[in-house]
Each structure stands twice: as C-alpha cells, then as structure tokens.
C-alpha cells in the first residue's frame, strides 16, 4: 500500500470563498490591481482593497474565474486571456450619439477623450459635432487581450466573514448581522427583509447556512451644531 502524501496542497474548487491578490495588464500596462506597488502604476493616490470573491460566481472576468479553479493556495500564477475571456467584444450599439443638452443639463462639459460617469455608466467621449456628442459606453478594455498575475492568499472558512463577503458582492453593502447556530441573522429596517428574501436560496447554496431577519430601527445621529470659525 502506498504511503499517503501528507504534503499534498489544497486546491480551490467551485464556490469556494477566497482572498485573491491580483494585477491585470493590458498592452503591458497595469489597468487594475490590489497590490500596492502595482496599483501605484495606475494611480499614486489609490489604496489597494482586499478582494474576497466566490469562485465561479462571475465576480471577476470569465477567463480568470475559470483559471482559479484547481489552483493551489499561496502559489503565484500568470495567465493570458483573449478578449472573449476578458471584457468581451466591442459592441457597435454601445457607441451612441447623445444631444449635447443631456450633458449641459447635468453641468458636464464634454470634450473628446474625456471619460466620465453618465447615468451610472462609464462612458468615453469620442467626438463632438455641433449639438451632438458621440459617446462610447463600451468597457475601455473590450476587444483587447489582457493578462493577469494572481495568487490565492487564503480560503475563507469562517461563516461570518463568508456572509459579509456574500453581501458585499451581491448587494454592494453589508447589513448588520450576527451568527447563531446554523443561521445568520440580519438586522435592520422592515424593508430590508423584503430585499434579503430573494437572496435566501443563493445564500444557503454558497454559505451553507440559513438566513434570518430581525427588525431593528435605525438610530439617527442628532445633527451636529455648526460652529462659526473666526480667524
């Protein structure tokens, strides 16, 4: 009988919660990272954010999501992705002509090359002709091959941290919560109960716990008195 290999390292599987360290490259330049020294190449003032994702749940581009499965914790990897595996193909229908007044009404002064948020979507101004503005709503990296270096720092196993990561990724905020036996209880205003009801099956599937709710009124902070400062 063969002796069991006790040095075999754990590999990541579908639906695992992991802390991911990564840097993304396009045409040899960093476009995103949560590694401080790499992020400085994008912006000197940007601060790296811890990234906890759920594998196979479309929280990163498809090629990276697929590449993470089967990888070892703590080992650095490099991958090259086609545009189909990255941010997808450019779509002609996302290049739109918008009346100039749409921008001026929002006190926006558009100019060719400018990148801005318009109706909660990132857009790039292509040209301005009279009262018409040609605007591109494609992701700046669509249609381009990209590459990543990445490392799985750890697998998240603690239930409360998994719950917080779930809500960060699916709801973009973390409600007040506490852990009970085989259940996570969320606390907040009554309207929150209706929202989380839709997430119960997905939460059970990924976190492995039931999701409960307890109504709790929001405490409002009293307004701060304004003090006039005299020089």
Protein backbone atom coordinates (compact mmCIF):
# COMPACT_ATOMS: atom_id res chain seq x y z
CA UNK A 1 0.00 0.00 0.00
CA UNK A 2 1.32 3.43 -0.96
CA UNK A 3 2.01 5.88 1.83
CA UNK A 4 -0.43 8.81 1.82
CA UNK A 5 1.09 12.07 0.54
CA UNK A 6 0.75 14.41 3.52
CA UNK A 7 2.41 17.27 1.60
CA UNK A 8 -0.37 17.49 -0.99
CA UNK A 9 -1.60 21.09 -1.07
CA UNK A 10 -5.24 22.11 -1.03
CA UNK A 11 -6.60 23.35 -4.34
CA UNK A 12 -9.50 25.71 -4.94
CA UNK A 13 -12.91 24.43 -6.06
CA UNK A 14 -16.09 25.92 -7.49
CA UNK A 15 -18.00 28.12 -4.98
CA UNK A 16 -15.03 28.44 -2.60
CA UNK A 17 -14.66 31.82 -0.91
CA UNK A 18 -11.11 33.08 -1.39
CA UNK A 19 -9.00 36.15 -0.79
CA UNK A 20 -7.46 36.98 -4.16
CA UNK A 21 -4.33 39.02 -4.85
CA UNK A 22 -4.05 40.12 -8.48
CA UNK A 23 -2.72 42.53 -11.08
CA UNK A 24 -4.27 42.94 -14.52
CA UNK A 25 -2.27 44.03 -17.60
CA UNK A 26 -3.31 45.38 -20.98
CA UNK A 27 -0.67 46.05 -23.63
CA UNK A 28 1.99 45.65 -20.95
CA UNK A 29 0.50 48.27 -18.63
CA UNK A 30 -1.30 47.75 -15.32
CA UNK A 31 -5.02 48.53 -15.54
CA UNK A 32 -6.09 47.19 -12.13
CA UNK A 33 -4.50 45.69 -9.03
CA UNK A 34 -4.90 45.21 -5.30
CA UNK A 35 -1.13 45.01 -4.80
CA UNK A 36 0.16 48.35 -3.54
CA UNK A 37 3.33 48.62 -5.64
CA UNK A 38 1.46 47.64 -8.82
CA UNK A 39 -1.52 49.89 -8.12
CA UNK A 40 0.81 52.90 -7.99
CA UNK A 41 1.29 52.45 -11.73
CA UNK A 42 -2.42 53.23 -12.16
CA UNK A 43 -2.72 55.98 -9.56
CA UNK A 44 -0.28 57.18 -6.92
CA UNK A 45 -3.16 58.06 -4.60
CA UNK A 46 -5.15 54.83 -4.96
CA UNK A 47 -5.24 52.46 -2.00
CA UNK A 48 -5.40 48.67 -2.53
CA UNK A 49 -8.59 46.97 -1.41
CA UNK A 50 -8.83 43.42 -0.05
CA UNK A 51 -10.64 41.27 -2.59
CA UNK A 52 -12.70 38.32 -1.41
CA UNK A 53 -14.61 36.57 -4.18
CA UNK A 54 -16.70 33.44 -4.65
CA UNK A 55 -15.16 31.24 -7.32
CA UNK A 56 -17.34 30.60 -10.42
CA UNK A 57 -19.86 33.32 -9.45
CA UNK A 58 -18.79 35.84 -12.14
CA UNK A 59 -17.09 38.21 -9.73
CA UNK A 60 -14.04 38.51 -11.99
CA UNK A 61 -13.69 38.22 -15.79
CA UNK A 62 -14.61 34.75 -17.16
CA UNK A 63 -11.06 33.64 -18.02
CA UNK A 64 -9.70 34.50 -14.59
CA UNK A 65 -12.71 32.96 -12.85
CA UNK A 66 -12.13 29.69 -14.72
CA UNK A 67 -8.35 29.75 -14.15
CA UNK A 68 -8.69 29.99 -10.36
CA UNK A 69 -10.32 26.56 -10.07
CA UNK A 70 -7.79 23.84 -9.32
CA UNK A 71 -5.04 26.26 -8.28
CA UNK A 72 -3.02 25.97 -5.07
CA UNK A 73 -3.22 28.44 -2.21
CA UNK A 74 -0.14 30.67 -1.89
CA UNK A 75 1.31 30.00 -5.34
CA UNK A 76 1.62 32.79 -7.93
CA UNK A 77 0.23 32.21 -11.43
CA UNK A 78 0.29 34.10 -14.73
CA UNK A 79 -2.36 33.78 -17.45
CA UNK A 80 -3.02 35.36 -20.85
CA UNK A 81 -6.64 35.88 -21.90
CA UNK A 82 -8.30 36.61 -25.22
CA UNK A 83 -10.82 39.44 -25.31
CA UNK A 84 -13.60 36.83 -25.25
CA UNK A 85 -12.25 35.57 -21.91
CA UNK A 86 -11.75 39.11 -20.64
CA UNK A 87 -14.06 42.07 -21.11
CA UNK A 88 -15.71 40.80 -24.28
CA UNK A 89 -16.01 42.18 -27.79
CA UNK A 90 -16.71 45.80 -28.59
CA UNK A 91 -20.36 46.39 -29.45
CA UNK A 92 -21.35 48.95 -32.06
CA UNK A 93 -24.70 49.51 -30.36
CA UNK A 94 -22.87 50.87 -27.31
CA UNK A 95 -21.49 53.78 -29.35
CA UNK A 96 -24.30 56.32 -29.15
CA UNK A 97 -24.98 59.85 -30.33
CA UNK A 98 -26.34 61.93 -27.46
CA UNK A 99 -27.67 65.51 -27.59
CA UNK A 100 -25.26 67.99 -26.04
CA UNK A 101 -28.01 69.32 -23.78
CA UNK A 102 -28.06 65.98 -21.91
CA UNK A 103 -24.57 66.85 -20.67
CA UNK A 104 -25.14 70.56 -20.07
CA UNK A 105 -28.28 69.84 -18.04
CA UNK A 106 -26.07 67.79 -15.70
CA UNK A 107 -23.45 70.56 -15.67
CA UNK A 108 -20.98 68.36 -17.58
CA UNK A 109 -18.63 69.91 -20.10
CA UNK A 110 -17.78 67.07 -22.55
CA UNK A 111 -14.64 67.05 -24.70
CA UNK A 112 -13.07 64.39 -26.95
CA UNK A 113 -11.15 61.80 -24.93
CA UNK A 114 -12.91 62.56 -21.65
CA UNK A 115 -14.07 59.60 -19.56
CA UNK A 116 -16.99 60.19 -17.23
CA UNK A 117 -19.96 58.64 -15.48
CA UNK A 118 -23.24 59.13 -17.32
CA UNK A 119 -26.42 57.62 -15.88
CA UNK A 120 -24.29 55.33 -13.70
CA UNK A 121 -22.34 54.03 -16.72
CA UNK A 122 -18.73 54.72 -17.62
CA UNK A 123 -18.54 56.49 -20.98
CA UNK A 124 -15.84 57.94 -23.20
CA UNK A 125 -16.42 60.98 -25.41
CA UNK A 126 -15.34 60.26 -28.99
CA UNK A 127 -16.27 63.41 -30.93
CA UNK A 128 -18.47 66.48 -30.62
CA UNK A 129 -20.19 67.84 -33.70
CA UNK A 130 -22.46 70.81 -33.16
CA UNK A 131 -25.10 69.77 -30.65
CA UNK A 132 -24.29 66.06 -30.94
CA UNK A 133 -21.85 64.08 -28.81
CA UNK A 134 -20.65 60.64 -29.96
CA UNK A 135 -20.20 58.63 -26.78
CA UNK A 136 -18.72 55.15 -26.30
CA UNK A 137 -20.22 53.04 -23.50
CA UNK A 138 -18.01 50.01 -24.21
CA UNK A 139 -15.62 48.97 -21.48
CA UNK A 140 -12.23 50.54 -22.34
CA UNK A 141 -10.73 47.02 -22.36
CA UNK A 142 -13.38 45.38 -24.53
CA UNK A 143 -11.94 43.84 -27.68
CA UNK A 144 -8.44 43.67 -26.16
CA UNK A 145 -6.42 40.68 -24.92
CA UNK A 146 -5.38 41.01 -21.28
CA UNK A 147 -3.23 39.13 -18.79
CA UNK A 148 -3.16 38.60 -15.05
CA UNK A 149 -0.78 37.57 -12.36
CA UNK A 150 -2.64 36.28 -9.35
CA UNK A 151 -2.27 34.45 -6.07
CA UNK A 152 -4.87 32.89 -3.80
CA UNK A 153 -3.82 34.20 -0.40
CA UNK A 154 -6.22 32.06 1.62
CA UNK A 155 -9.50 30.20 1.60
CA UNK A 156 -12.21 31.89 3.67
CA UNK A 157 -13.86 29.39 6.03
CA UNK A 158 -15.30 31.47 8.88
CA UNK A 159 -19.07 31.76 8.46
CA UNK A 160 -19.45 35.43 9.41
CA UNK A 161 -16.72 36.52 7.02
CA UNK A 162 -18.30 34.46 4.24
CA UNK A 163 -21.65 36.11 4.94
CA UNK A 164 -20.11 39.58 4.83
CA UNK A 165 -18.38 38.73 1.55
CA UNK A 166 -21.64 37.41 0.10
CA UNK A 167 -23.47 40.67 0.76
CA UNK A 168 -20.54 42.80 -0.36
CA UNK A 169 -20.56 41.06 -3.74
CA UNK A 170 -24.29 40.59 -4.28
CA UNK A 171 -25.77 43.66 -2.56
CA UNK A 172 -22.81 46.07 -2.53
CA UNK A 173 -23.23 46.66 1.20
CA UNK A 174 -23.05 44.60 4.39
CA UNK A 175 -26.13 44.72 6.65
CA UNK A 176 -25.74 44.41 10.39
CA UNK A 177 -25.54 40.69 11.12
CA UNK A 178 -24.79 38.15 13.78
CA UNK A 179 -24.16 34.43 13.73
CA UNK A 180 -26.37 31.95 15.52
CA UNK A 181 -26.31 28.16 15.38
CA UNK A 182 -26.63 27.15 11.70
CA UNK A 183 -28.02 30.60 10.83
CA UNK A 184 -27.01 34.17 10.04
CA UNK A 185 -29.40 36.81 11.38
CA UNK A 186 -29.62 40.16 9.60
CA UNK A 187 -30.83 43.22 11.48
CA UNK A 188 -32.31 46.37 10.03
CA UNK A 189 -35.48 48.16 8.96
CA UNK A 190 -38.51 46.16 7.80
CA UNK A 191 -37.85 46.97 4.13
CA UNK A 192 -34.57 45.02 4.34
CA UNK A 193 -36.50 41.80 4.99
CA UNK A 194 -38.12 42.02 1.57
CA UNK A 195 -34.76 42.54 -0.10
CA UNK A 196 -32.94 39.64 1.55
CA UNK A 197 -35.84 37.24 0.92
CA UNK A 198 -34.68 36.92 -2.70
CA UNK A 199 -31.15 36.01 -1.60
CA UNK A 200 -32.05 33.18 0.79
CA UNK A 201 -31.65 30.26 -1.68
CA UNK A 202 -28.35 31.59 -3.06
CA UNK A 203 -27.06 32.28 0.45
CA UNK A 204 -27.90 28.73 1.55
CA UNK A 205 -26.20 27.30 -1.55
CA UNK A 206 -22.95 29.27 -1.17
CA UNK A 207 -22.57 29.95 2.56
CA UNK A 208 -24.29 26.75 3.73
CA UNK A 209 -26.38 28.49 6.39
CA UNK A 210 -29.97 29.65 6.70
CA UNK A 211 -30.68 33.36 6.58
CA UNK A 212 -32.93 35.01 9.16
CA UNK A 213 -34.10 38.54 9.85
CA UNK A 214 -34.76 40.64 12.94
CA UNK A 215 -36.29 44.07 12.63
CA UNK A 216 -34.24 46.80 14.20
CA UNK A 217 -34.86 50.51 13.96
CA UNK A 218 -32.09 52.67 12.57
CA UNK A 219 -30.72 55.10 15.11
CA UNK A 220 -30.31 58.52 13.62
CA UNK A 221 -27.42 60.66 14.77
CA UNK A 222 -28.52 64.06 16.04
CA UNK A 223 -27.44 66.90 13.74
CA UNK A 224 -24.15 68.44 14.68
CA UNK A 225 -24.29 72.07 15.68
CA UNK A 226 -22.46 74.29 13.28
CA UNK A 227 -19.89 76.49 14.84
CA UNK A 228 -18.72 79.65 13.17
CA UNK A 229 -14.97 79.81 12.98
CA UNK A 230 -13.42 83.21 13.36
CA UNK A 231 -9.96 83.89 12.08
